Amino acid sequence: MKKFILKVGFASLGLIAFMIFNYSINSYFINHQQTNLDSKILLMGGSHIKSGLNPKYIANAKNIATPGETYFDTFYKLKYLVNNPNNDIATVVFGFGHNNICGLNDDKYSKESMSIEYLGRTYPIIPFKVLNSVGVNKITYLKTIIRKMCLYPSVKHEGFIGKGFNGRLPNLSRSDVAKRVDYHYYSEGTVRRESERDIKYLDSIINFAGINNVELVAVNIPQRKEYYSAIPERLKRKYKEIRISLIERDIRLIDLLEMELDSSSFANHDHLSNEGAKIVSKIVSDSLSLWGSLKVSH
């Protein structure tokens, strides 16, 4: 029995040493990681941007949006990328919709079922102290660190960058608008409050961009009328208030929320298809080109 206990003890110590070794290696790689982007225009935000803006039609642009990305995530992504001296980021086009300020975003790091995905992407760029201050699921965080940092060495830890533009096929006929609205804006039948955290981090993005001479362009991807009309009035009022604030702060806004597009341009009631993304991407590209030429003329 004593020999068995000793064997188990030595095996446990070996496993702990192995995990500490991998953690040290991965920490080194993260601390020395240089995520180089060869684009001056970044397309950032959640799935509306990921499937709605195709960099094929926007010169010198790269889509680094990730599904469900919040302004909290975007701020730390932008901070990390701008602080890399090898990057020359001139413009950030980011999603600005009702979903971006909704309280659902506050659940994405606190609820275990959601936090697995988000922590798995952002653990290299958002310190635990910051995550803890906004409410993180500590058990999921520990699992994430063990899985991502302790089991094997990895040279790259860049899941927060995303995998680029994700085009979708038209599939509006199978989209349930009531379910989509309920998921985004209701919790157990009650209208969700706005996310004070993400409204605060939108402000942080604006301040950080201003200090670092990065131009911000907010874009609202088109939605079907039946989806937009079902958004709770409380969120609409808050959205309008923030919209006015952006304009007052000279943030450029491409507001395509109620743009008329046919059904083939939508993958569901609030996401574009490939064809819709092509149309919207060209509008964004033309807007950026126009503003650029106005700068040159002045």
C-alpha atoms as a PDB file:
ATOM      1  CA  MET A   1       0.000   0.000   0.000  1.00  0.00           C
ATOM      2  CA  LYS A   2       2.827   2.358   0.887  1.00  0.00           C
ATOM      3  CA  LYS A   3       4.552   1.650  -2.433  1.00  0.00           C
ATOM      4  CA  PHE A   4       1.307   2.309  -4.279  1.00  0.00           C
ATOM      5  CA  ILE A   5       0.861   5.664  -2.521  1.00  0.00           C
ATOM      6  CA  LEU A   6       4.455   6.602  -3.371  1.00  0.00           C
ATOM      7  CA  LYS A   7       3.916   5.684  -7.022  1.00  0.00           C
ATOM      8  CA  VAL A   8       0.738   7.756  -7.176  1.00  0.00           C
ATOM      9  CA  GLY A   9       2.534  10.623  -5.465  1.00  0.00           C
ATOM     10  CA  PHE A  10       5.466  10.537  -7.907  1.00  0.00           C
ATOM     11  CA  ALA A  11       3.075  10.280 -10.859  1.00  0.00           C
ATOM     12  CA  SER A  12       1.096  13.288  -9.582  1.00  0.00           C
ATOM     13  CA  LEU A  13       4.270  15.293  -9.102  1.00  0.00           C
ATOM     14  CA  GLY A  14       5.359  14.353 -12.604  1.00  0.00           C
ATOM     15  CA  LEU A  15       2.037  15.468 -14.044  1.00  0.00           C
ATOM     16  CA  ILE A  16       2.172  18.760 -12.140  1.00  0.00           C
ATOM     17  CA  ALA A  17       5.746  19.365 -13.308  1.00  0.00           C
ATOM     18  CA  PHE A  18       4.704  18.557 -16.884  1.00  0.00           C
ATOM     19  CA  MET A  19       1.815  21.035 -16.707  1.00  0.00           C
ATOM     20  CA  ILE A  20       3.956  23.766 -15.145  1.00  0.00           C
ATOM     21  CA  PHE A  21       6.565  23.210 -17.849  1.00  0.00           C
ATOM     22  CA  ASN A  22       3.970  23.603 -20.629  1.00  0.00           C
ATOM     23  CA  TYR A  23       2.436  26.615 -18.895  1.00  0.00           C
ATOM     24  CA  SER A  24       5.855  28.294 -18.762  1.00  0.00           C
ATOM     25  CA  ILE A  25       6.542  27.598 -22.438  1.00  0.00           C
ATOM     26  CA  ASN A  26       3.130  28.876 -23.541  1.00  0.00           C
ATOM     27  CA  SER A  27       3.471  31.966 -21.340  1.00  0.00           C
ATOM     28  CA  TYR A  28       6.791  32.691 -23.038  1.00  0.00           C
ATOM     29  CA  PHE A  29       5.221  32.326 -26.496  1.00  0.00           C
ATOM     30  CA  ILE A  30       2.315  34.598 -25.537  1.00  0.00           C
ATOM     31  CA  ASN A  31       4.614  37.257 -24.077  1.00  0.00           C
ATOM     32  CA  HIS A  32       6.748  37.245 -27.225  1.00  0.00           C
ATOM     33  CA  GLN A  33       3.945  36.712 -29.709  1.00  0.00           C
ATOM     34  CA  GLN A  34       3.777  39.211 -32.550  1.00  0.00           C
ATOM     35  CA  THR A  35       0.493  39.078 -34.441  1.00  0.00           C
ATOM     36  CA  ASN A  36       1.350  40.891 -37.635  1.00  0.00           C
ATOM     37  CA  LEU A  37      -1.459  42.130 -39.854  1.00  0.00           C
ATOM     38  CA  ASP A  38      -0.645  43.318 -43.355  1.00  0.00           C
ATOM     39  CA  SER A  39      -3.799  45.418 -43.571  1.00  0.00           C
ATOM     40  CA  LYS A  40      -4.440  49.024 -42.625  1.00  0.00           C
ATOM     41  CA  ILE A  41      -8.203  48.534 -42.307  1.00  0.00           C
ATOM     42  CA  LEU A  42      -9.593  46.118 -39.729  1.00  0.00           C
ATOM     43  CA  LEU A  43     -13.172  44.843 -39.801  1.00  0.00           C
ATOM     44  CA  MET A  44     -14.080  44.050 -36.194  1.00  0.00           C
ATOM     45  CA  GLY A  45     -17.124  42.860 -34.296  1.00  0.00           C
ATOM     46  CA  GLY A  46     -19.352  39.827 -33.970  1.00  0.00           C
ATOM     47  CA  SER A  47     -21.027  37.514 -36.465  1.00  0.00           C
ATOM     48  CA  HIS A  48     -22.866  40.364 -38.225  1.00  0.00           C
ATOM     49  CA  ILE A  49     -19.482  41.711 -39.321  1.00  0.00           C
ATOM     50  CA  LYS A  50     -17.899  38.287 -39.805  1.00  0.00           C
ATOM     51  CA  SER A  51     -20.536  37.300 -42.358  1.00  0.00           C
ATOM     52  CA  GLY A  52     -21.478  40.786 -43.490  1.00  0.00           C
ATOM     53  CA  LEU A  53     -18.254  42.478 -44.609  1.00  0.00           C
ATOM     54  CA  ASN A  54     -16.180  40.727 -47.247  1.00  0.00           C
ATOM     55  CA  PRO A  55     -12.629  42.174 -47.431  1.00  0.00           C
ATOM     56  CA  LYS A  56     -12.494  41.003 -51.052  1.00  0.00           C
ATOM     57  CA  TYR A  57     -14.438  44.181 -51.877  1.00  0.00           C
ATOM     58  CA  ILE A  58     -12.685  46.522 -49.414  1.00  0.00           C
ATOM     59  CA  ALA A  59      -9.133  47.439 -50.367  1.00  0.00           C
ATOM     60  CA  ASN A  60      -6.404  46.741 -47.787  1.00  0.00           C
ATOM     61  CA  ALA A  61      -8.905  45.315 -45.297  1.00  0.00           C
ATOM     62  CA  LYS A  62      -8.868  42.231 -43.091  1.00  0.00           C
ATOM     63  CA  ASN A  63     -11.895  40.713 -41.359  1.00  0.00           C
ATOM     64  CA  ILE A  64     -10.919  39.677 -37.822  1.00  0.00           C
ATOM     65  CA  ALA A  65     -14.436  39.510 -36.383  1.00  0.00           C
ATOM     66  CA  THR A  66     -15.403  36.558 -34.192  1.00  0.00           C
ATOM     67  CA  PRO A  67     -18.907  35.213 -33.456  1.00  0.00           C
ATOM     68  CA  GLY A  68     -20.559  37.020 -30.552  1.00  0.00           C
ATOM     69  CA  GLU A  69     -17.642  39.410 -30.100  1.00  0.00           C
ATOM     70  CA  THR A  70     -18.434  42.146 -27.589  1.00  0.00           C
ATOM     71  CA  TYR A  71     -16.985  45.650 -27.268  1.00  0.00           C
ATOM     72  CA  PHE A  72     -15.126  44.295 -24.240  1.00  0.00           C
ATOM     73  CA  ASP A  73     -13.382  41.785 -26.531  1.00  0.00           C
ATOM     74  CA  THR A  74     -12.872  44.307 -29.319  1.00  0.00           C
ATOM     75  CA  PHE A  75     -11.155  46.782 -27.011  1.00  0.00           C
ATOM     76  CA  TYR A  76      -8.541  44.274 -25.854  1.00  0.00           C
ATOM     77  CA  LYS A  77      -8.032  42.946 -29.388  1.00  0.00           C
ATOM     78  CA  LEU A  78      -7.484  46.447 -30.730  1.00  0.00           C
ATOM     79  CA  LYS A  79      -5.186  47.363 -27.854  1.00  0.00           C
ATOM     80  CA  TYR A  80      -3.087  44.247 -28.395  1.00  0.00           C
ATOM     81  CA  LEU A  81      -2.807  44.779 -32.157  1.00  0.00           C
ATOM     82  CA  VAL A  82      -2.101  48.532 -32.040  1.00  0.00           C
ATOM     83  CA  ASN A  83       0.600  48.031 -29.431  1.00  0.00           C
ATOM     84  CA  ASN A  84       2.466  45.779 -31.858  1.00  0.00           C
ATOM     85  CA  PRO A  85       4.823  48.218 -33.650  1.00  0.00           C
ATOM     86  CA  ASN A  86       4.844  46.016 -36.762  1.00  0.00           C
ATOM     87  CA  ASN A  87       1.176  46.797 -37.404  1.00  0.00           C
ATOM     88  CA  ASP A  88       0.080  49.968 -39.171  1.00  0.00           C
ATOM     89  CA  ILE A  89      -3.628  50.197 -38.419  1.00  0.00           C
ATOM     90  CA  ALA A  90      -5.273  53.293 -39.847  1.00  0.00           C
ATOM     91  CA  THR A  91      -8.990  52.449 -39.725  1.00  0.00           C
ATOM     92  CA  VAL A  92     -11.271  50.161 -37.743  1.00  0.00           C
ATOM     93  CA  VAL A  93     -14.724  49.412 -39.106  1.00  0.00           C
ATOM     94  CA  PHE A  94     -16.778  47.972 -36.255  1.00  0.00           C
ATOM     95  CA  GLY A  95     -20.295  46.675 -35.811  1.00  0.00           C
ATOM     96  CA  PHE A  96     -22.811  48.981 -34.191  1.00  0.00           C
ATOM     97  CA  GLY A  97     -26.190  47.390 -33.652  1.00  0.00           C
ATOM     98  CA  HIS A  98     -28.743  46.879 -30.910  1.00  0.00           C
ATOM     99  CA  ASN A  99     -27.237  43.493 -30.104  1.00  0.00           C
ATOM    100  CA  ASN A 100     -23.882  45.144 -29.368  1.00  0.00           C
ATOM    101  CA  ILE A 101     -25.291  46.967 -26.340  1.00  0.00           C
ATOM    102  CA  CYS A 102     -27.640  44.260 -25.089  1.00  0.00           C
ATOM    103  CA  GLY A 103     -27.301  42.589 -21.677  1.00  0.00           C
ATOM    104  CA  LEU A 104     -26.873  39.171 -23.315  1.00  0.00           C
ATOM    105  CA  ASN A 105     -23.231  40.158 -23.736  1.00  0.00           C
ATOM    106  CA  ASP A 106     -22.769  40.228 -19.962  1.00  0.00           C
ATOM    107  CA  ASP A 107     -23.521  36.490 -19.810  1.00  0.00           C
ATOM    108  CA  LYS A 108     -20.801  35.527 -22.249  1.00  0.00           C
ATOM    109  CA  TYR A 109     -18.059  35.255 -19.621  1.00  0.00           C
ATOM    110  CA  SER A 110     -20.184  34.350 -16.622  1.00  0.00           C
ATOM    111  CA  LYS A 111     -22.376  31.505 -17.898  1.00  0.00           C
ATOM    112  CA  GLU A 112     -20.405  28.295 -18.279  1.00  0.00           C
ATOM    113  CA  SER A 113     -22.069  27.238 -21.534  1.00  0.00           C
ATOM    114  CA  MET A 114     -21.028  30.499 -23.201  1.00  0.00           C
ATOM    115  CA  SER A 115     -17.775  31.298 -21.400  1.00  0.00           C
ATOM    116  CA  ILE A 116     -16.072  28.164 -22.762  1.00  0.00           C
ATOM    117  CA  GLU A 117     -16.083  29.672 -26.250  1.00  0.00           C
ATOM    118  CA  TYR A 118     -15.161  33.233 -25.299  1.00  0.00           C
ATOM    119  CA  LEU A 119     -12.402  32.387 -22.826  1.00  0.00           C
ATOM    120  CA  GLY A 120     -10.980  29.934 -25.338  1.00  0.00           C
ATOM    121  CA  ARG A 121     -10.367  32.859 -27.669  1.00  0.00           C
ATOM    122  CA  THR A 122      -9.389  35.746 -25.416  1.00  0.00           C
ATOM    123  CA  TYR A 123      -7.336  34.147 -22.621  1.00  0.00           C
ATOM    124  CA  PRO A 124      -4.026  35.417 -24.158  1.00  0.00           C
ATOM    125  CA  ILE A 125      -5.050  39.075 -24.293  1.00  0.00           C
ATOM    126  CA  ILE A 126      -7.394  39.728 -21.348  1.00  0.00           C
ATOM    127  CA  PRO A 127      -5.824  39.353 -17.865  1.00  0.00           C
ATOM    128  CA  PHE A 128      -7.706  37.358 -15.241  1.00  0.00           C
ATOM    129  CA  LYS A 129      -7.844  40.440 -13.020  1.00  0.00           C
ATOM    130  CA  VAL A 130      -9.822  42.266 -15.697  1.00  0.00           C
ATOM    131  CA  LEU A 131     -12.074  39.282 -16.403  1.00  0.00           C
ATOM    132  CA  ASN A 132     -12.744  38.858 -12.706  1.00  0.00           C
ATOM    133  CA  SER A 133     -13.717  42.507 -12.378  1.00  0.00           C
ATOM    134  CA  VAL A 134     -16.517  42.102 -14.947  1.00  0.00           C
ATOM    135  CA  GLY A 135     -17.654  38.705 -13.710  1.00  0.00           C
ATOM    136  CA  VAL A 136     -15.996  35.608 -15.121  1.00  0.00           C
ATOM    137  CA  ASN A 137     -16.862  31.968 -14.538  1.00  0.00           C
ATOM    138  CA  LYS A 138     -13.800  30.966 -12.530  1.00  0.00           C
ATOM    139  CA  ILE A 139     -14.246  27.229 -13.049  1.00  0.00           C
ATOM    140  CA  THR A 140     -14.389  27.664 -16.816  1.00  0.00           C
ATOM    141  CA  TYR A 141     -11.396  29.984 -16.700  1.00  0.00           C
ATOM    142  CA  LEU A 142      -9.374  27.362 -14.826  1.00  0.00           C
ATOM    143  CA  LYS A 143     -10.426  24.684 -17.326  1.00  0.00           C
ATOM    144  CA  THR A 144      -9.445  26.974 -20.184  1.00  0.00           C
ATOM    145  CA  ILE A 145      -5.993  27.660 -18.763  1.00  0.00           C
ATOM    146  CA  ILE A 146      -5.378  23.960 -18.170  1.00  0.00           C
ATOM    147  CA  ARG A 147      -6.576  23.050 -21.669  1.00  0.00           C
ATOM    148  CA  LYS A 148      -4.849  25.871 -23.542  1.00  0.00           C
ATOM    149  CA  MET A 149      -1.726  26.395 -21.452  1.00  0.00           C
ATOM    150  CA  CYS A 150      -0.860  23.240 -19.522  1.00  0.00           C
ATOM    151  CA  LEU A 151      -1.416  20.189 -21.708  1.00  0.00           C
ATOM    152  CA  TYR A 152       0.847  20.907 -24.682  1.00  0.00           C
ATOM    153  CA  PRO A 153       3.064  23.696 -26.023  1.00  0.00           C
ATOM    154  CA  SER A 154       1.671  25.891 -28.775  1.00  0.00           C
ATOM    155  CA  VAL A 155       3.678  28.471 -30.691  1.00  0.00           C
ATOM    156  CA  LYS A 156       0.607  30.542 -31.598  1.00  0.00           C
ATOM    157  CA  HIS A 157      -2.217  31.694 -29.339  1.00  0.00           C
ATOM    158  CA  GLU A 158      -4.246  33.761 -31.787  1.00  0.00           C
ATOM    159  CA  GLY A 159      -7.795  32.445 -31.557  1.00  0.00           C
ATOM    160  CA  PHE A 160      -8.988  35.981 -30.821  1.00  0.00           C
ATOM    161  CA  ILE A 161      -8.148  36.980 -34.417  1.00  0.00           C
ATOM    162  CA  GLY A 162     -10.796  34.747 -35.934  1.00  0.00           C
ATOM    163  CA  LYS A 163     -10.713  32.883 -39.231  1.00  0.00           C
ATOM    164  CA  GLY A 164     -11.713  35.682 -41.560  1.00  0.00           C
ATOM    165  CA  PHE A 165     -14.861  36.373 -43.519  1.00  0.00           C
ATOM    166  CA  ASN A 166     -17.472  33.626 -43.273  1.00  0.00           C
ATOM    167  CA  GLY A 167     -19.885  33.806 -46.161  1.00  0.00           C
ATOM    168  CA  ARG A 168     -23.363  32.351 -45.754  1.00  0.00           C
ATOM    169  CA  LEU A 169     -25.939  30.963 -48.140  1.00  0.00           C
ATOM    170  CA  PRO A 170     -29.440  32.471 -48.406  1.00  0.00           C
ATOM    171  CA  ASN A 171     -31.626  30.659 -45.903  1.00  0.00           C
ATOM    172  CA  LEU A 172     -34.237  33.167 -44.778  1.00  0.00           C
ATOM    173  CA  SER A 173     -37.128  30.725 -45.206  1.00  0.00           C
ATOM    174  CA  ARG A 174     -35.789  28.592 -42.347  1.00  0.00           C
ATOM    175  CA  SER A 175     -35.119  31.499 -39.979  1.00  0.00           C
ATOM    176  CA  ASP A 176     -37.438  31.916 -36.987  1.00  0.00           C
ATOM    177  CA  VAL A 177     -37.529  35.641 -36.273  1.00  0.00           C
ATOM    178  CA  ALA A 178     -39.264  35.200 -32.911  1.00  0.00           C
ATOM    179  CA  LYS A 179     -36.532  32.848 -31.662  1.00  0.00           C
ATOM    180  CA  ARG A 180     -33.760  35.160 -32.826  1.00  0.00           C
ATOM    181  CA  VAL A 181     -35.282  38.214 -31.149  1.00  0.00           C
ATOM    182  CA  ASP A 182     -35.981  36.225 -27.969  1.00  0.00           C
ATOM    183  CA  TYR A 183     -32.377  34.981 -27.815  1.00  0.00           C
ATOM    184  CA  HIS A 184     -30.859  38.431 -28.276  1.00  0.00           C
ATOM    185  CA  TYR A 185     -33.175  40.615 -26.231  1.00  0.00           C
ATOM    186  CA  TYR A 186     -35.122  38.545 -23.692  1.00  0.00           C
ATOM    187  CA  SER A 187     -34.297  36.411 -20.673  1.00  0.00           C
ATOM    188  CA  GLU A 188     -37.066  34.125 -19.432  1.00  0.00           C
ATOM    189  CA  GLY A 189     -39.671  36.366 -21.027  1.00  0.00           C
ATOM    190  CA  THR A 190     -38.268  39.609 -19.603  1.00  0.00           C
ATOM    191  CA  VAL A 191     -36.620  42.299 -21.714  1.00  0.00           C
ATOM    192  CA  ARG A 192     -32.874  42.373 -21.080  1.00  0.00           C
ATOM    193  CA  ARG A 193     -31.296  45.571 -19.842  1.00  0.00           C
ATOM    194  CA  GLU A 194     -28.550  47.230 -21.822  1.00  0.00           C
ATOM    195  CA  SER A 195     -24.982  46.146 -21.128  1.00  0.00           C
ATOM    196  CA  GLU A 196     -23.372  48.906 -19.075  1.00  0.00           C
ATOM    197  CA  ARG A 197     -20.064  47.066 -19.434  1.00  0.00           C
ATOM    198  CA  ASP A 198     -20.077  47.140 -23.219  1.00  0.00           C
ATOM    199  CA  ILE A 199     -21.318  50.716 -23.406  1.00  0.00           C
ATOM    200  CA  LYS A 200     -18.361  51.604 -21.186  1.00  0.00           C
ATOM    201  CA  TYR A 201     -15.956  49.643 -23.403  1.00  0.00           C
ATOM    202  CA  LEU A 202     -17.318  51.290 -26.545  1.00  0.00           C
ATOM    203  CA  ASP A 203     -16.229  54.539 -24.932  1.00  0.00           C
ATOM    204  CA  SER A 204     -12.833  52.962 -24.168  1.00  0.00           C
ATOM    205  CA  ILE A 205     -12.457  51.940 -27.820  1.00  0.00           C
ATOM    206  CA  ILE A 206     -13.190  55.500 -28.939  1.00  0.00           C
ATOM    207  CA  ASN A 207     -10.714  57.013 -26.478  1.00  0.00           C
ATOM    208  CA  PHE A 208      -7.994  54.479 -27.292  1.00  0.00           C
ATOM    209  CA  ALA A 209      -8.431  54.976 -31.048  1.00  0.00           C
ATOM    210  CA  GLY A 210      -8.245  58.744 -30.646  1.00  0.00           C
ATOM    211  CA  ILE A 211      -4.995  58.563 -28.675  1.00  0.00           C
ATOM    212  CA  ASN A 212      -3.455  56.222 -31.265  1.00  0.00           C
ATOM    213  CA  ASN A 213      -4.661  58.056 -34.363  1.00  0.00           C
ATOM    214  CA  VAL A 214      -6.922  55.235 -35.527  1.00  0.00           C
ATOM    215  CA  GLU A 215     -10.050  56.282 -37.417  1.00  0.00           C
ATOM    216  CA  LEU A 216     -13.242  54.567 -36.290  1.00  0.00           C
ATOM    217  CA  VAL A 217     -16.158  53.791 -38.584  1.00  0.00           C
ATOM    218  CA  ALA A 218     -19.341  52.316 -37.118  1.00  0.00           C
ATOM    219  CA  VAL A 219     -21.532  50.231 -39.413  1.00  0.00           C
ATOM    220  CA  ASN A 220     -24.942  48.740 -38.793  1.00  0.00           C
ATOM    221  CA  ILE A 221     -25.548  45.696 -40.979  1.00  0.00           C
ATOM    222  CA  PRO A 222     -29.044  45.577 -42.578  1.00  0.00           C
ATOM    223  CA  GLN A 223     -31.751  43.546 -40.868  1.00  0.00           C
ATOM    224  CA  ARG A 224     -35.144  42.324 -41.972  1.00  0.00           C
ATOM    225  CA  LYS A 225     -38.032  44.626 -41.007  1.00  0.00           C
ATOM    226  CA  GLU A 226     -39.767  41.949 -38.972  1.00  0.00           C
ATOM    227  CA  TYR A 227     -36.640  41.507 -36.855  1.00  0.00           C
ATOM    228  CA  TYR A 228     -36.006  45.223 -36.356  1.00  0.00           C
ATOM    229  CA  SER A 229     -39.618  45.991 -35.458  1.00  0.00           C
ATOM    230  CA  ALA A 230     -39.541  43.307 -32.728  1.00  0.00           C
ATOM    231  CA  ILE A 231     -36.525  44.764 -30.915  1.00  0.00           C
ATOM    232  CA  PRO A 232     -37.679  46.092 -27.497  1.00  0.00           C
ATOM    233  CA  GLU A 233     -38.240  49.844 -27.395  1.00  0.00           C
ATOM    234  CA  ARG A 234     -35.965  50.154 -24.361  1.00  0.00           C
ATOM    235  CA  LEU A 235     -32.981  48.974 -26.431  1.00  0.00           C
ATOM    236  CA  LYS A 236     -34.006  51.140 -29.370  1.00  0.00           C
ATOM    237  CA  ARG A 237     -34.042  54.238 -27.185  1.00  0.00           C
ATOM    238  CA  LYS A 238     -30.620  53.455 -25.739  1.00  0.00           C
ATOM    239  CA  TYR A 239     -29.252  52.734 -29.194  1.00  0.00           C
ATOM    240  CA  LYS A 240     -30.482  56.099 -30.511  1.00  0.00           C
ATOM    241  CA  GLU A 241     -28.912  57.840 -27.524  1.00  0.00           C
ATOM    242  CA  ILE A 242     -25.531  56.230 -28.200  1.00  0.00           C
ATOM    243  CA  ARG A 243     -25.887  56.873 -31.929  1.00  0.00           C
ATOM    244  CA  ILE A 244     -26.263  60.600 -31.265  1.00  0.00           C
ATOM    245  CA  SER A 245     -23.233  60.445 -28.974  1.00  0.00           C
ATOM    246  CA  LEU A 246     -21.109  58.834 -31.707  1.00  0.00           C
ATOM    247  CA  ILE A 247     -22.057  61.530 -34.179  1.00  0.00           C
ATOM    248  CA  GLU A 248     -21.299  64.258 -31.644  1.00  0.00           C
ATOM    249  CA  ARG A 249     -17.864  62.710 -31.141  1.00  0.00           C
ATOM    250  CA  ASP A 250     -17.209  62.750 -34.912  1.00  0.00           C
ATOM    251  CA  ILE A 251     -17.298  58.964 -35.276  1.00  0.00           C
ATOM    252  CA  ARG A 252     -18.207  58.145 -38.858  1.00  0.00           C
ATOM    253  CA  LEU A 253     -21.398  56.093 -39.121  1.00  0.00           C
ATOM    254  CA  ILE A 254     -22.639  53.943 -41.988  1.00  0.00           C
ATOM    255  CA  ASP A 255     -26.187  53.209 -40.880  1.00  0.00           C
ATOM    256  CA  LEU A 256     -27.699  50.539 -43.138  1.00  0.00           C
ATOM    257  CA  LEU A 257     -30.065  49.130 -40.532  1.00  0.00           C
ATOM    258  CA  GLU A 258     -33.251  49.647 -42.560  1.00  0.00           C
ATOM    259  CA  MET A 259     -31.712  49.246 -46.010  1.00  0.00           C
ATOM    260  CA  GLU A 260     -34.056  47.410 -48.390  1.00  0.00           C
ATOM    261  CA  LEU A 261     -32.557  44.135 -49.630  1.00  0.00           C
ATOM    262  CA  ASP A 262     -34.328  41.146 -51.156  1.00  0.00           C
ATOM    263  CA  SER A 263     -34.639  37.845 -49.320  1.00  0.00           C
ATOM    264  CA  SER A 264     -31.690  36.267 -51.180  1.00  0.00           C
ATOM    265  CA  SER A 265     -29.416  38.797 -49.444  1.00  0.00           C
ATOM    266  CA  PHE A 266     -30.130  37.307 -46.012  1.00  0.00           C
ATOM    267  CA  ALA A 267     -28.942  34.114 -44.352  1.00  0.00           C
ATOM    268  CA  ASN A 268     -31.439  34.727 -41.564  1.00  0.00           C
ATOM    269  CA  HIS A 269     -33.335  37.738 -40.216  1.00  0.00           C
ATOM    270  CA  ASP A 270     -30.228  39.556 -38.925  1.00  0.00           C
ATOM    271  CA  HIS A 271     -27.306  38.069 -40.894  1.00  0.00           C
ATOM    272  CA  LEU A 272     -26.429  38.636 -44.530  1.00  0.00           C
ATOM    273  CA  SER A 273     -25.823  36.018 -47.174  1.00  0.00           C
ATOM    274  CA  ASN A 274     -22.845  36.130 -49.531  1.00  0.00           C
ATOM    275  CA  GLU A 275     -24.801  38.299 -51.954  1.00  0.00           C
ATOM    276  CA  GLY A 276     -25.914  40.675 -49.217  1.00  0.00           C
ATOM    277  CA  ALA A 277     -22.356  40.902 -47.907  1.00  0.00           C
ATOM    278  CA  LYS A 278     -21.120  41.810 -51.387  1.00  0.00           C
ATOM    279  CA  ILE A 279     -23.629  44.666 -51.662  1.00  0.00           C
ATOM    280  CA  VAL A 280     -22.904  46.047 -48.183  1.00  0.00           C
ATOM    281  CA  SER A 281     -19.124  45.622 -48.491  1.00  0.00           C
ATOM    282  CA  LYS A 282     -19.106  47.704 -51.659  1.00  0.00           C
ATOM    283  CA  ILE A 283     -21.103  50.453 -49.905  1.00  0.00           C
ATOM    284  CA  VAL A 284     -18.596  50.463 -47.035  1.00  0.00           C
ATOM    285  CA  SER A 285     -15.710  50.500 -49.505  1.00  0.00           C
ATOM    286  CA  ASP A 286     -17.195  53.442 -51.420  1.00  0.00           C
ATOM    287  CA  SER A 287     -17.774  55.349 -48.178  1.00  0.00           C
ATOM    288  CA  LEU A 288     -14.177  54.796 -47.039  1.00  0.00           C
ATOM    289  CA  SER A 289     -12.858  55.882 -50.442  1.00  0.00           C
ATOM    290  CA  LEU A 290     -15.007  59.015 -50.430  1.00  0.00           C
ATOM    291  CA  TRP A 291     -13.870  60.022 -46.947  1.00  0.00           C
ATOM    292  CA  GLY A 292     -10.269  59.319 -47.935  1.00  0.00           C
ATOM    293  CA  SER A 293     -10.518  61.563 -50.979  1.00  0.00           C
ATOM    294  CA  LEU A 294     -12.077  64.330 -48.885  1.00  0.00           C
ATOM    295  CA  LYS A 295      -9.089  64.163 -46.529  1.00  0.00           C
ATOM    296  CA  VAL A 296      -6.663  64.449 -49.425  1.00  0.00           C
ATOM    297  CA  SER A 297      -8.544  67.412 -50.922  1.00  0.00           C
ATOM    298  CA  HIS A 298      -8.328  69.265 -47.636  1.00  0.00           C
END
